[in-house]
Amino acid sequence: MWLAALRRLGGLLVLASALALLGALVFGIAIGSDVRRSISVSFYVIGAFLLIAGFFVGNRGPVRIRGGEKGAYMFFGSRFVRWASPSEREENINLSAIFVVLGFLLILVGVVADNRYDLV
């Protein structure tokens, strides 16, 4: 079970790293920046975004809007909210943990890719 979870986390890390690398190359070349510097900044920015997203996903409250009622009349009349089920709350915590771990790992990759400092 743990091995499969690590494999999925590794796949997410590879996908996020590939997207960060592609974005860094496109924007770095477009503004004429050093490629290694743009790569490290891209990993920093995407990692920080995922950390913030994990914080907000994890702090979502227990109240949800009902899915069936939509439109302008939603603000008037009876209540249009419901309590989240235990599985929905557990899913929020799990998704928050994935975002935080992935964001932290991307920041670490950015530190390794940064050529301004020597890690040794």
PDB file of N, CA and C in Angstrom:
ATOM      1  N   MET A   1       0.826  -1.186   0.000  1.00  0.00           N
ATOM      2  CA  MET A   1       0.000   0.000   0.000  1.00  0.00           C
ATOM      3  C   MET A   1       0.873   1.255   0.000  1.00  0.00           C
ATOM      4  N   TRP A   2       1.916   1.276   0.848  1.00  0.00           N
ATOM      5  CA  TRP A   2       2.781   2.446   0.916  1.00  0.00           C
ATOM      6  C   TRP A   2       3.560   2.627  -0.370  1.00  0.00           C
ATOM      7  N   LEU A   3       3.959   1.511  -0.969  1.00  0.00           N
ATOM      8  CA  LEU A   3       4.713   1.598  -2.210  1.00  0.00           C
ATOM      9  C   LEU A   3       3.866   2.176  -3.339  1.00  0.00           C
ATOM     10  N   ALA A   4       2.609   1.774  -3.391  1.00  0.00           N
ATOM     11  CA  ALA A   4       1.705   2.317  -4.408  1.00  0.00           C
ATOM     12  C   ALA A   4       1.449   3.808  -4.172  1.00  0.00           C
ATOM     13  N   ALA A   5       1.331   4.209  -2.916  1.00  0.00           N
ATOM     14  CA  ALA A   5       1.125   5.625  -2.604  1.00  0.00           C
ATOM     15  C   ALA A   5       2.345   6.451  -2.988  1.00  0.00           C
ATOM     16  N   LEU A   6       3.540   5.929  -2.702  1.00  0.00           N
ATOM     17  CA  LEU A   6       4.763   6.638  -3.095  1.00  0.00           C
ATOM     18  C   LEU A   6       4.909   6.717  -4.612  1.00  0.00           C
ATOM     19  N   ARG A   7       4.471   5.671  -5.305  1.00  0.00           N
ATOM     20  CA  ARG A   7       4.501   5.684  -6.769  1.00  0.00           C
ATOM     21  C   ARG A   7       3.568   6.758  -7.321  1.00  0.00           C
ATOM     22  N   ARG A   8       2.374   6.878  -6.747  1.00  0.00           N
ATOM     23  CA  ARG A   8       1.442   7.916  -7.203  1.00  0.00           C
ATOM     24  C   ARG A   8       1.960   9.312  -6.872  1.00  0.00           C
ATOM     25  N   LEU A   9       2.560   9.483  -5.689  1.00  0.00           N
ATOM     26  CA  LEU A   9       3.128  10.767  -5.322  1.00  0.00           C
ATOM     27  C   LEU A   9       4.292  11.116  -6.239  1.00  0.00           C
ATOM     28  N   GLY A  10       5.097  10.131  -6.576  1.00  0.00           N
ATOM     29  CA  GLY A  10       6.195  10.357  -7.526  1.00  0.00           C
ATOM     30  C   GLY A  10       5.685  10.754  -8.901  1.00  0.00           C
ATOM     31  N   GLY A  11       4.602  10.138  -9.332  1.00  0.00           N
ATOM     32  CA  GLY A  11       4.001  10.517 -10.611  1.00  0.00           C
ATOM     33  C   GLY A  11       3.496  11.950 -10.595  1.00  0.00           C
ATOM     34  N   LEU A  12       2.856  12.343  -9.483  1.00  0.00           N
ATOM     35  CA  LEU A  12       2.403  13.730  -9.355  1.00  0.00           C
ATOM     36  C   LEU A  12       3.574  14.704  -9.339  1.00  0.00           C
ATOM     37  N   LEU A  13       4.660  14.304  -8.657  1.00  0.00           N
ATOM     38  CA  LEU A  13       5.846  15.158  -8.602  1.00  0.00           C
ATOM     39  C   LEU A  13       6.477  15.304  -9.980  1.00  0.00           C
ATOM     40  N   VAL A  14       6.556  14.224 -10.729  1.00  0.00           N
ATOM     41  CA  VAL A  14       7.113  14.292 -12.085  1.00  0.00           C
ATOM     42  C   VAL A  14       6.238  15.165 -12.979  1.00  0.00           C
ATOM     43  N   LEU A  15       4.920  15.009 -12.880  1.00  0.00           N
ATOM     44  CA  LEU A  15       4.012  15.819 -13.699  1.00  0.00           C
ATOM     45  C   LEU A  15       4.113  17.300 -13.348  1.00  0.00           C
ATOM     46  N   ALA A  16       4.099  17.611 -12.055  1.00  0.00           N
ATOM     47  CA  ALA A  16       4.206  19.014 -11.637  1.00  0.00           C
ATOM     48  C   ALA A  16       5.565  19.591 -12.012  1.00  0.00           C
ATOM     49  N   SER A  17       6.618  18.792 -11.900  1.00  0.00           N
ATOM     50  CA  SER A  17       7.952  19.265 -12.275  1.00  0.00           C
ATOM     51  C   SER A  17       8.050  19.511 -13.770  1.00  0.00           C
ATOM     52  N   ALA A  18       7.439  18.636 -14.554  1.00  0.00           N
ATOM     53  CA  ALA A  18       7.465  18.828 -16.005  1.00  0.00           C
ATOM     54  C   ALA A  18       6.717  20.094 -16.405  1.00  0.00           C
ATOM     55  N   LEU A  19       5.580  20.338 -15.778  1.00  0.00           N
ATOM     56  CA  LEU A  19       4.828  21.557 -16.078  1.00  0.00           C
ATOM     57  C   LEU A  19       5.589  22.807 -15.637  1.00  0.00           C
ATOM     58  N   ALA A  20       6.235  22.729 -14.471  1.00  0.00           N
ATOM     59  CA  ALA A  20       7.025  23.866 -13.997  1.00  0.00           C
ATOM     60  C   ALA A  20       8.213  24.113 -14.914  1.00  0.00           C
ATOM     61  N   LEU A  21       8.846  23.054 -15.362  1.00  0.00           N
ATOM     62  CA  LEU A  21       9.994  23.177 -16.261  1.00  0.00           C
ATOM     63  C   LEU A  21       9.576  23.767 -17.606  1.00  0.00           C
ATOM     64  N   LEU A  22       8.468  23.303 -18.136  1.00  0.00           N
ATOM     65  CA  LEU A  22       7.978  23.828 -19.410  1.00  0.00           C
ATOM     66  C   LEU A  22       7.621  25.306 -19.289  1.00  0.00           C
ATOM     67  N   GLY A  23       6.913  25.667 -18.223  1.00  0.00           N
ATOM     68  CA  GLY A  23       6.574  27.074 -18.013  1.00  0.00           C
ATOM     69  C   GLY A  23       7.797  27.939 -17.816  1.00  0.00           C
ATOM     70  N   ALA A  24       8.794  27.408 -17.102  1.00  0.00           N
ATOM     71  CA  ALA A  24      10.032  28.162 -16.874  1.00  0.00           C
ATOM     72  C   ALA A  24      10.775  28.398 -18.175  1.00  0.00           C
ATOM     73  N   LEU A  25      10.823  27.389 -19.012  1.00  0.00           N
ATOM     74  CA  LEU A  25      11.528  27.549 -20.283  1.00  0.00           C
ATOM     75  C   LEU A  25      10.826  28.553 -21.189  1.00  0.00           C
ATOM     76  N   VAL A  26       9.504  28.475 -21.236  1.00  0.00           N
ATOM     77  CA  VAL A  26       8.754  29.399 -22.092  1.00  0.00           C
ATOM     78  C   VAL A  26       8.913  30.839 -21.610  1.00  0.00           C
ATOM     79  N   PHE A  27       8.680  31.074 -20.317  1.00  0.00           N
ATOM     80  CA  PHE A  27       8.767  32.442 -19.802  1.00  0.00           C
ATOM     81  C   PHE A  27      10.205  32.931 -19.701  1.00  0.00           C
ATOM     82  N   GLY A  28      11.133  32.032 -19.383  1.00  0.00           N
ATOM     83  CA  GLY A  28      12.532  32.437 -19.292  1.00  0.00           C
ATOM     84  C   GLY A  28      13.089  32.875 -20.628  1.00  0.00           C
ATOM     85  N   ILE A  29      12.755  32.157 -21.676  1.00  0.00           N
ATOM     86  CA  ILE A  29      13.212  32.534 -23.008  1.00  0.00           C
ATOM     87  C   ILE A  29      12.495  33.796 -23.480  1.00  0.00           C
ATOM     88  N   ALA A  30      11.212  33.923 -23.130  1.00  0.00           N
ATOM     89  CA  ALA A  30      10.440  35.083 -23.583  1.00  0.00           C
ATOM     90  C   ALA A  30      10.969  36.389 -22.985  1.00  0.00           C
ATOM     91  N   ILE A  31      11.424  36.358 -21.732  1.00  0.00           N
ATOM     92  CA  ILE A  31      11.912  37.603 -21.130  1.00  0.00           C
ATOM     93  C   ILE A  31      13.435  37.705 -21.182  1.00  0.00           C
ATOM     94  N   GLY A  32      14.095  36.697 -21.722  1.00  0.00           N
ATOM     95  CA  GLY A  32      15.541  36.754 -21.879  1.00  0.00           C
ATOM     96  C   GLY A  32      16.304  36.520 -20.589  1.00  0.00           C
ATOM     97  N   SER A  33      15.750  35.749 -19.692  1.00  0.00           N
ATOM     98  CA  SER A  33      16.387  35.482 -18.411  1.00  0.00           C
ATOM     99  C   SER A  33      17.298  34.265 -18.504  1.00  0.00           C
ATOM    100  N   ASP A  34      18.150  34.095 -17.482  1.00  0.00           N
ATOM    101  CA  ASP A  34      18.982  32.912 -17.383  1.00  0.00           C
ATOM    102  C   ASP A  34      18.069  31.699 -17.189  1.00  0.00           C
ATOM    103  N   VAL A  35      18.333  30.631 -17.906  1.00  0.00           N
ATOM    104  CA  VAL A  35      17.442  29.477 -17.895  1.00  0.00           C
ATOM    105  C   VAL A  35      17.424  28.802 -16.522  1.00  0.00           C
ATOM    106  N   ARG A  36      18.584  28.607 -15.904  1.00  0.00           N
ATOM    107  CA  ARG A  36      18.617  27.947 -14.587  1.00  0.00           C
ATOM    108  C   ARG A  36      17.902  28.786 -13.529  1.00  0.00           C
ATOM    109  N   ARG A  37      18.044  30.085 -13.620  1.00  0.00           N
ATOM    110  CA  ARG A  37      17.371  30.961 -12.653  1.00  0.00           C
ATOM    111  C   ARG A  37      15.856  30.918 -12.852  1.00  0.00           C
ATOM    112  N   SER A  38      15.406  30.925 -14.100  1.00  0.00           N
ATOM    113  CA  SER A  38      13.967  30.870 -14.340  1.00  0.00           C
ATOM    114  C   SER A  38      13.387  29.519 -13.925  1.00  0.00           C
ATOM    115  N   ILE A  39      14.171  28.466 -14.053  1.00  0.00           N
ATOM    116  CA  ILE A  39      13.701  27.150 -13.607  1.00  0.00           C
ATOM    117  C   ILE A  39      13.528  27.136 -12.089  1.00  0.00           C
ATOM    118  N   SER A  40      14.506  27.643 -11.362  1.00  0.00           N
ATOM    119  CA  SER A  40      14.395  27.630  -9.902  1.00  0.00           C
ATOM    120  C   SER A  40      13.251  28.527  -9.420  1.00  0.00           C
ATOM    121  N   VAL A  41      13.094  29.680 -10.041  1.00  0.00           N
ATOM    122  CA  VAL A  41      11.999  30.574  -9.643  1.00  0.00           C
ATOM    123  C   VAL A  41      10.649  29.932  -9.949  1.00  0.00           C
ATOM    124  N   SER A  42      10.556  29.227 -11.062  1.00  0.00           N
ATOM    125  CA  SER A  42       9.312  28.549 -11.410  1.00  0.00           C
ATOM    126  C   SER A  42       8.959  27.485 -10.370  1.00  0.00           C
ATOM    127  N   PHE A  43       9.939  26.711  -9.944  1.00  0.00           N
ATOM    128  CA  PHE A  43       9.679  25.719  -8.905  1.00  0.00           C
ATOM    129  C   PHE A  43       9.288  26.382  -7.591  1.00  0.00           C
ATOM    130  N   TYR A  44       9.921  27.494  -7.255  1.00  0.00           N
ATOM    131  CA  TYR A  44       9.557  28.223  -6.035  1.00  0.00           C
ATOM    132  C   TYR A  44       8.113  28.714  -6.096  1.00  0.00           C
ATOM    133  N   VAL A  45       7.743  29.313  -7.210  1.00  0.00           N
ATOM    134  CA  VAL A  45       6.406  29.907  -7.337  1.00  0.00           C
ATOM    135  C   VAL A  45       5.321  28.833  -7.313  1.00  0.00           C
ATOM    136  N   ILE A  46       5.519  27.772  -8.071  1.00  0.00           N
ATOM    137  CA  ILE A  46       4.498  26.718  -8.114  1.00  0.00           C
ATOM    138  C   ILE A  46       4.427  25.991  -6.771  1.00  0.00           C
ATOM    139  N   GLY A  47       5.568  25.768  -6.134  1.00  0.00           N
ATOM    140  CA  GLY A  47       5.564  25.147  -4.810  1.00  0.00           C
ATOM    141  C   GLY A  47       4.860  26.007  -3.774  1.00  0.00           C
ATOM    142  N   ALA A  48       5.114  27.305  -3.801  1.00  0.00           N
ATOM    143  CA  ALA A  48       4.447  28.211  -2.857  1.00  0.00           C
ATOM    144  C   ALA A  48       2.942  28.257  -3.121  1.00  0.00           C
ATOM    145  N   PHE A  49       2.560  28.244  -4.402  1.00  0.00           N
ATOM    146  CA  PHE A  49       1.133  28.225  -4.736  1.00  0.00           C
ATOM    147  C   PHE A  49       0.466  26.972  -4.191  1.00  0.00           C
ATOM    148  N   LEU A  50       1.126  25.813  -4.333  1.00  0.00           N
ATOM    149  CA  LEU A  50       0.542  24.579  -3.829  1.00  0.00           C
ATOM    150  C   LEU A  50       0.466  24.567  -2.303  1.00  0.00           C
ATOM    151  N   LEU A  51       1.454  25.165  -1.631  1.00  0.00           N
ATOM    152  CA  LEU A  51       1.383  25.260  -0.177  1.00  0.00           C
ATOM    153  C   LEU A  51       0.203  26.117   0.266  1.00  0.00           C
ATOM    154  N   ILE A  52      -0.005  27.230  -0.397  1.00  0.00           N
ATOM    155  CA  ILE A  52      -1.136  28.104  -0.058  1.00  0.00           C
ATOM    156  C   ILE A  52      -2.457  27.424  -0.390  1.00  0.00           C
ATOM    157  N   ALA A  53      -2.520  26.737  -1.535  1.00  0.00           N
ATOM    158  CA  ALA A  53      -3.740  26.014  -1.898  1.00  0.00           C
ATOM    159  C   ALA A  53      -4.038  24.921  -0.880  1.00  0.00           C
ATOM    160  N   GLY A  54      -3.014  24.220  -0.420  1.00  0.00           N
ATOM    161  CA  GLY A  54      -3.216  23.195   0.598  1.00  0.00           C
ATOM    162  C   GLY A  54      -3.736  23.772   1.895  1.00  0.00           C
ATOM    163  N   PHE A  55      -3.251  24.963   2.263  1.00  0.00           N
ATOM    164  CA  PHE A  55      -3.745  25.619   3.463  1.00  0.00           C
ATOM    165  C   PHE A  55      -5.231  25.936   3.331  1.00  0.00           C
ATOM    166  N   PHE A  56      -5.632  26.504   2.206  1.00  0.00           N
ATOM    167  CA  PHE A  56      -7.026  26.904   2.057  1.00  0.00           C
ATOM    168  C   PHE A  56      -7.954  25.711   1.870  1.00  0.00           C
ATOM    169  N   VAL A  57      -7.502  24.669   1.198  1.00  0.00           N
ATOM    170  CA  VAL A  57      -8.336  23.478   1.055  1.00  0.00           C
ATOM    171  C   VAL A  57      -8.525  22.805   2.406  1.00  0.00           C
ATOM    172  N   GLY A  58      -7.478  22.780   3.213  1.00  0.00           N
ATOM    173  CA  GLY A  58      -7.573  22.156   4.527  1.00  0.00           C
ATOM    174  C   GLY A  58      -8.417  22.946   5.508  1.00  0.00           C
ATOM    175  N   ASN A  59      -8.555  24.238   5.305  1.00  0.00           N
ATOM    176  CA  ASN A  59      -9.333  25.073   6.219  1.00  0.00           C
ATOM    177  C   ASN A  59     -10.756  25.315   5.751  1.00  0.00           C
ATOM    178  N   ARG A  60     -11.193  24.581   4.782  1.00  0.00           N
ATOM    179  CA  ARG A  60     -12.573  24.720   4.319  1.00  0.00           C
ATOM    180  C   ARG A  60     -13.515  24.242   5.415  1.00  0.00           C
ATOM    181  N   GLY A  61     -14.564  24.972   5.614  1.00  0.00           N
ATOM    182  CA  GLY A  61     -15.500  24.674   6.687  1.00  0.00           C
ATOM    183  C   GLY A  61     -16.372  23.462   6.407  1.00  0.00           C
ATOM    184  N   PRO A  62     -17.202  23.063   7.385  1.00  0.00           N
ATOM    185  CA  PRO A  62     -18.023  21.865   7.236  1.00  0.00           C
ATOM    186  C   PRO A  62     -19.335  22.093   6.484  1.00  0.00           C
ATOM    187  N   VAL A  63     -19.610  23.326   6.068  1.00  0.00           N
ATOM    188  CA  VAL A  63     -20.871  23.634   5.397  1.00  0.00           C
ATOM    189  C   VAL A  63     -20.654  23.683   3.895  1.00  0.00           C
ATOM    190  N   ARG A  64     -21.553  23.044   3.146  1.00  0.00           N
ATOM    191  CA  ARG A  64     -21.479  23.017   1.681  1.00  0.00           C
ATOM    192  C   ARG A  64     -22.772  23.568   1.103  1.00  0.00           C
ATOM    193  N   ILE A  65     -22.671  24.124  -0.090  1.00  0.00           N
ATOM    194  CA  ILE A  65     -23.865  24.588  -0.802  1.00  0.00           C
ATOM    195  C   ILE A  65     -24.514  23.394  -1.465  1.00  0.00           C
ATOM    196  N   ARG A  66     -25.821  23.327  -1.405  1.00  0.00           N
ATOM    197  CA  ARG A  66     -26.532  22.237  -2.071  1.00  0.00           C
ATOM    198  C   ARG A  66     -26.370  22.375  -3.574  1.00  0.00           C
ATOM    199  N   GLY A  67     -26.168  21.272  -4.259  1.00  0.00           N
ATOM    200  CA  GLY A  67     -25.887  21.296  -5.686  1.00  0.00           C
ATOM    201  C   GLY A  67     -27.093  21.509  -6.562  1.00  0.00           C
ATOM    202  N   GLY A  68     -28.303  21.167  -6.113  1.00  0.00           N
ATOM    203  CA  GLY A  68     -29.468  21.222  -6.973  1.00  0.00           C
ATOM    204  C   GLY A  68     -30.017  22.612  -7.223  1.00  0.00           C
ATOM    205  N   GLU A  69     -29.898  23.501  -6.251  1.00  0.00           N
ATOM    206  CA  GLU A  69     -30.491  24.824  -6.369  1.00  0.00           C
ATOM    207  C   GLU A  69     -29.493  25.799  -6.972  1.00  0.00           C
ATOM    208  N   LYS A  70     -29.852  26.355  -8.116  1.00  0.00           N
ATOM    209  CA  LYS A  70     -29.005  27.353  -8.757  1.00  0.00           C
ATOM    210  C   LYS A  70     -29.906  28.469  -9.268  1.00  0.00           C
ATOM    211  N   GLY A  71     -29.318  29.620  -9.491  1.00  0.00           N
ATOM    212  CA  GLY A  71     -30.082  30.727 -10.035  1.00  0.00           C
ATOM    213  C   GLY A  71     -30.133  31.908  -9.081  1.00  0.00           C
ATOM    214  N   ALA A  72     -30.869  32.943  -9.492  1.00  0.00           N
ATOM    215  CA  ALA A  72     -30.927  34.180  -8.716  1.00  0.00           C
ATOM    216  C   ALA A  72     -31.743  34.010  -7.434  1.00  0.00           C
ATOM    217  N   TYR A  73     -32.683  33.061  -7.411  1.00  0.00           N
ATOM    218  CA  TYR A  73     -33.524  32.887  -6.239  1.00  0.00           C
ATOM    219  C   TYR A  73     -32.795  32.158  -5.106  1.00  0.00           C
ATOM    220  N   MET A  74     -31.546  31.828  -5.315  1.00  0.00           N
ATOM    221  CA  MET A  74     -30.789  31.074  -4.340  1.00  0.00           C
ATOM    222  C   MET A  74     -30.620  31.835  -3.019  1.00  0.00           C
ATOM    223  N   PHE A  75     -30.604  33.155  -3.074  1.00  0.00           N
ATOM    224  CA  PHE A  75     -30.344  33.940  -1.880  1.00  0.00           C
ATOM    225  C   PHE A  75     -31.599  34.204  -1.060  1.00  0.00           C
ATOM    226  N   PHE A  76     -32.742  33.816  -1.555  1.00  0.00           N
ATOM    227  CA  PHE A  76     -33.998  34.063  -0.857  1.00  0.00           C
ATOM    228  C   PHE A  76     -34.671  32.736  -0.529  1.00  0.00           C
ATOM    229  N   GLY A  77     -35.476  32.726   0.500  1.00  0.00           N
ATOM    230  CA  GLY A  77     -36.253  31.539   0.815  1.00  0.00           C
ATOM    231  C   GLY A  77     -35.562  30.644   1.820  1.00  0.00           C
ATOM    232  N   SER A  78     -35.735  29.336   1.633  1.00  0.00           N
ATOM    233  CA  SER A  78     -35.227  28.375   2.607  1.00  0.00           C
ATOM    234  C   SER A  78     -33.708  28.229   2.522  1.00  0.00           C
ATOM    235  N   ARG A  79     -33.178  27.442   3.426  1.00  0.00           N
ATOM    236  CA  ARG A  79     -31.732  27.257   3.489  1.00  0.00           C
ATOM    237  C   ARG A  79     -31.243  26.440   2.290  1.00  0.00           C
ATOM    238  N   PHE A  80     -30.106  26.855   1.748  1.00  0.00           N
ATOM    239  CA  PHE A  80     -29.530  26.152   0.611  1.00  0.00           C
ATOM    240  C   PHE A  80     -28.146  25.610   0.944  1.00  0.00           C
ATOM    241  N   VAL A  81     -27.934  25.279   2.198  1.00  0.00           N
ATOM    242  CA  VAL A  81     -26.661  24.715   2.608  1.00  0.00           C
ATOM    243  C   VAL A  81     -26.910  23.374   3.276  1.00  0.00           C
ATOM    244  N   ARG A  82     -25.860  22.585   3.339  1.00  0.00           N
ATOM    245  CA  ARG A  82     -25.924  21.290   4.000  1.00  0.00           C
ATOM    246  C   ARG A  82     -24.599  21.043   4.701  1.00  0.00           C
ATOM    247  N   TRP A  83     -24.589  20.105   5.612  1.00  0.00           N
ATOM    248  CA  TRP A  83     -23.358  19.729   6.290  1.00  0.00           C
ATOM    249  C   TRP A  83     -22.602  18.734   5.420  1.00  0.00           C
ATOM    250  N   ALA A  84     -21.306  18.873   5.395  1.00  0.00           N
ATOM    251  CA  ALA A  84     -20.469  17.951   4.629  1.00  0.00           C
ATOM    252  C   ALA A  84     -20.459  16.584   5.309  1.00  0.00           C
ATOM    253  N   SER A  85     -20.417  15.561   4.491  1.00  0.00           N
ATOM    254  CA  SER A  85     -20.347  14.203   5.035  1.00  0.00           C
ATOM    255  C   SER A  85     -18.939  13.930   5.558  1.00  0.00           C
ATOM    256  N   PRO A  86     -18.795  12.942   6.400  1.00  0.00           N
ATOM    257  CA  PRO A  86     -17.450  12.618   6.898  1.00  0.00           C
ATOM    258  C   PRO A  86     -16.471  12.258   5.777  1.00  0.00           C
ATOM    259  N   SER A  87     -16.949  11.632   4.728  1.00  0.00           N
ATOM    260  CA  SER A  87     -16.047  11.297   3.622  1.00  0.00           C
ATOM    261  C   SER A  87     -15.583  12.554   2.876  1.00  0.00           C
ATOM    262  N   GLU A  88     -16.460  13.569   2.768  1.00  0.00           N
ATOM    263  CA  GLU A  88     -16.058  14.827   2.139  1.00  0.00           C
ATOM    264  C   GLU A  88     -15.020  15.563   2.975  1.00  0.00           C
ATOM    265  N   ARG A  89     -15.193  15.540   4.283  1.00  0.00           N
ATOM    266  CA  ARG A  89     -14.208  16.190   5.160  1.00  0.00           C
ATOM    267  C   ARG A  89     -12.879  15.456   5.125  1.00  0.00           C
ATOM    268  N   GLU A  90     -12.910  14.136   5.081  1.00  0.00           N
ATOM    269  CA  GLU A  90     -11.680  13.350   4.994  1.00  0.00           C
ATOM    270  C   GLU A  90     -10.974  13.600   3.658  1.00  0.00           C
ATOM    271  N   GLU A  91     -11.749  13.725   2.592  1.00  0.00           N
ATOM    272  CA  GLU A  91     -11.170  14.018   1.283  1.00  0.00           C
ATOM    273  C   GLU A  91     -10.492  15.390   1.277  1.00  0.00           C
ATOM    274  N   ASN A  92     -11.085  16.386   1.948  1.00  0.00           N
ATOM    275  CA  ASN A  92     -10.458  17.708   2.038  1.00  0.00           C
ATOM    276  C   ASN A  92      -9.123  17.652   2.761  1.00  0.00           C
ATOM    277  N   ILE A  93      -9.064  16.910   3.855  1.00  0.00           N
ATOM    278  CA  ILE A  93      -7.812  16.790   4.606  1.00  0.00           C
ATOM    279  C   ILE A  93      -6.758  16.070   3.763  1.00  0.00           C
ATOM    280  N   ASN A  94      -7.151  15.004   3.081  1.00  0.00           N
ATOM    281  CA  ASN A  94      -6.202  14.265   2.242  1.00  0.00           C
ATOM    282  C   ASN A  94      -5.692  15.119   1.089  1.00  0.00           C
ATOM    283  N   LEU A  95      -6.575  15.858   0.447  1.00  0.00           N
ATOM    284  CA  LEU A  95      -6.168  16.719  -0.661  1.00  0.00           C
ATOM    285  C   LEU A  95      -5.240  17.830  -0.170  1.00  0.00           C
ATOM    286  N   SER A  96      -5.534  18.353   1.008  1.00  0.00           N
ATOM    287  CA  SER A  96      -4.665  19.370   1.591  1.00  0.00           C
ATOM    288  C   SER A  96      -3.276  18.811   1.855  1.00  0.00           C
ATOM    289  N   ALA A  97      -3.193  17.601   2.374  1.00  0.00           N
ATOM    290  CA  ALA A  97      -1.892  16.983   2.647  1.00  0.00           C
ATOM    291  C   ALA A  97      -1.109  16.761   1.358  1.00  0.00           C
ATOM    292  N   ILE A  98      -1.787  16.348   0.303  1.00  0.00           N
ATOM    293  CA  ILE A  98      -1.108  16.147  -0.984  1.00  0.00           C
ATOM    294  C   ILE A  98      -0.562  17.469  -1.509  1.00  0.00           C
ATOM    295  N   PHE A  99      -1.369  18.525  -1.453  1.00  0.00           N
ATOM    296  CA  PHE A  99      -0.911  19.836  -1.933  1.00  0.00           C
ATOM    297  C   PHE A  99       0.292  20.328  -1.139  1.00  0.00           C
ATOM    298  N   VAL A 100       0.248  20.179   0.178  1.00  0.00           N
ATOM    299  CA  VAL A 100       1.337  20.678   1.021  1.00  0.00           C
ATOM    300  C   VAL A 100       2.620  19.890   0.763  1.00  0.00           C
ATOM    301  N   VAL A 101       2.539  18.578   0.712  1.00  0.00           N
ATOM    302  CA  VAL A 101       3.732  17.763   0.472  1.00  0.00           C
ATOM    303  C   VAL A 101       4.301  18.037  -0.912  1.00  0.00           C
ATOM    304  N   LEU A 102       3.441  18.111  -1.911  1.00  0.00           N
ATOM    305  CA  LEU A 102       3.907  18.371  -3.274  1.00  0.00           C
ATOM    306  C   LEU A 102       4.515  19.765  -3.382  1.00  0.00           C
ATOM    307  N   GLY A 103       3.920  20.751  -2.741  1.00  0.00           N
ATOM    308  CA  GLY A 103       4.481  22.097  -2.752  1.00  0.00           C
ATOM    309  C   GLY A 103       5.837  22.156  -2.076  1.00  0.00           C
ATOM    310  N   PHE A 104       5.974  21.472  -0.947  1.00  0.00           N
ATOM    311  CA  PHE A 104       7.254  21.450  -0.243  1.00  0.00           C
ATOM    312  C   PHE A 104       8.324  20.765  -1.094  1.00  0.00           C
ATOM    313  N   LEU A 105       7.963  19.660  -1.746  1.00  0.00           N
ATOM    314  CA  LEU A 105       8.930  18.967  -2.601  1.00  0.00           C
ATOM    315  C   LEU A 105       9.346  19.822  -3.796  1.00  0.00           C
ATOM    316  N   LEU A 106       8.409  20.557  -4.376  1.00  0.00           N
ATOM    317  CA  LEU A 106       8.764  21.425  -5.503  1.00  0.00           C
ATOM    318  C   LEU A 106       9.683  22.561  -5.057  1.00  0.00           C
ATOM    319  N   ILE A 107       9.481  23.073  -3.868  1.00  0.00           N
ATOM    320  CA  ILE A 107      10.389  24.105  -3.358  1.00  0.00           C
ATOM    321  C   ILE A 107      11.782  23.515  -3.145  1.00  0.00           C
ATOM    322  N   LEU A 108      11.859  22.284  -2.657  1.00  0.00           N
ATOM    323  CA  LEU A 108      13.159  21.633  -2.505  1.00  0.00           C
ATOM    324  C   LEU A 108      13.846  21.421  -3.852  1.00  0.00           C
ATOM    325  N   VAL A 109      13.083  21.055  -4.874  1.00  0.00           N
ATOM    326  CA  VAL A 109      13.663  20.918  -6.213  1.00  0.00           C
ATOM    327  C   VAL A 109      14.169  22.275  -6.702  1.00  0.00           C
ATOM    328  N   GLY A 110      13.429  23.339  -6.394  1.00  0.00           N
ATOM    329  CA  GLY A 110      13.873  24.685  -6.753  1.00  0.00           C
ATOM    330  C   GLY A 110      15.161  25.068  -6.056  1.00  0.00           C
ATOM    331  N   VAL A 111      15.327  24.661  -4.800  1.00  0.00           N
ATOM    332  CA  VAL A 111      16.559  24.942  -4.069  1.00  0.00           C
ATOM    333  C   VAL A 111      17.730  24.206  -4.717  1.00  0.00           C
ATOM    334  N   VAL A 112      17.508  22.963  -5.105  1.00  0.00           N
ATOM    335  CA  VAL A 112      18.569  22.189  -5.756  1.00  0.00           C
ATOM    336  C   VAL A 112      18.908  22.791  -7.123  1.00  0.00           C
ATOM    337  N   ALA A 113      17.907  23.271  -7.839  1.00  0.00           N
ATOM    338  CA  ALA A 113      18.142  23.823  -9.180  1.00  0.00           C
ATOM    339  C   ALA A 113      18.713  25.232  -9.154  1.00  0.00           C
ATOM    340  N   ASP A 114      18.648  25.917  -8.018  1.00  0.00           N
ATOM    341  CA  ASP A 114      19.139  27.294  -7.926  1.00  0.00           C
ATOM    342  C   ASP A 114      20.660  27.313  -7.997  1.00  0.00           C
ATOM    343  N   ASN A 115      21.191  28.077  -8.928  1.00  0.00           N
ATOM    344  CA  ASN A 115      22.640  28.095  -9.121  1.00  0.00           C
ATOM    345  C   ASN A 115      23.329  29.234  -8.366  1.00  0.00           C
ATOM    346  N   ARG A 116      22.597  29.987  -7.583  1.00  0.00           N
ATOM    347  CA  ARG A 116      23.219  31.086  -6.841  1.00  0.00           C
ATOM    348  C   ARG A 116      23.954  30.585  -5.605  1.00  0.00           C
ATOM    349  N   TYR A 117      23.506  29.457  -5.060  1.00  0.00           N
ATOM    350  CA  TYR A 117      24.087  28.958  -3.823  1.00  0.00           C
ATOM    351  C   TYR A 117      24.633  27.557  -4.045  1.00  0.00           C
ATOM    352  N   ASP A 118      25.691  27.228  -3.319  1.00  0.00           N
ATOM    353  CA  ASP A 118      26.288  25.916  -3.371  1.00  0.00           C
ATOM    354  C   ASP A 118      25.750  25.108  -2.195  1.00  0.00           C
ATOM    355  N   LEU A 119      25.236  23.916  -2.443  1.00  0.00           N
ATOM    356  CA  LEU A 119      24.634  23.118  -1.382  1.00  0.00           C
ATOM    357  C   LEU A 119      25.656  22.352  -0.558  1.00  0.00           C
ATOM    358  N   VAL A 120      26.869  22.252  -1.021  1.00  0.00           N
ATOM    359  CA  VAL A 120      27.883  21.472  -0.303  1.00  0.00           C
ATOM    360  C   VAL A 120      28.645  22.294   0.674  1.00  0.00           C
TER     361      VAL A 120
END
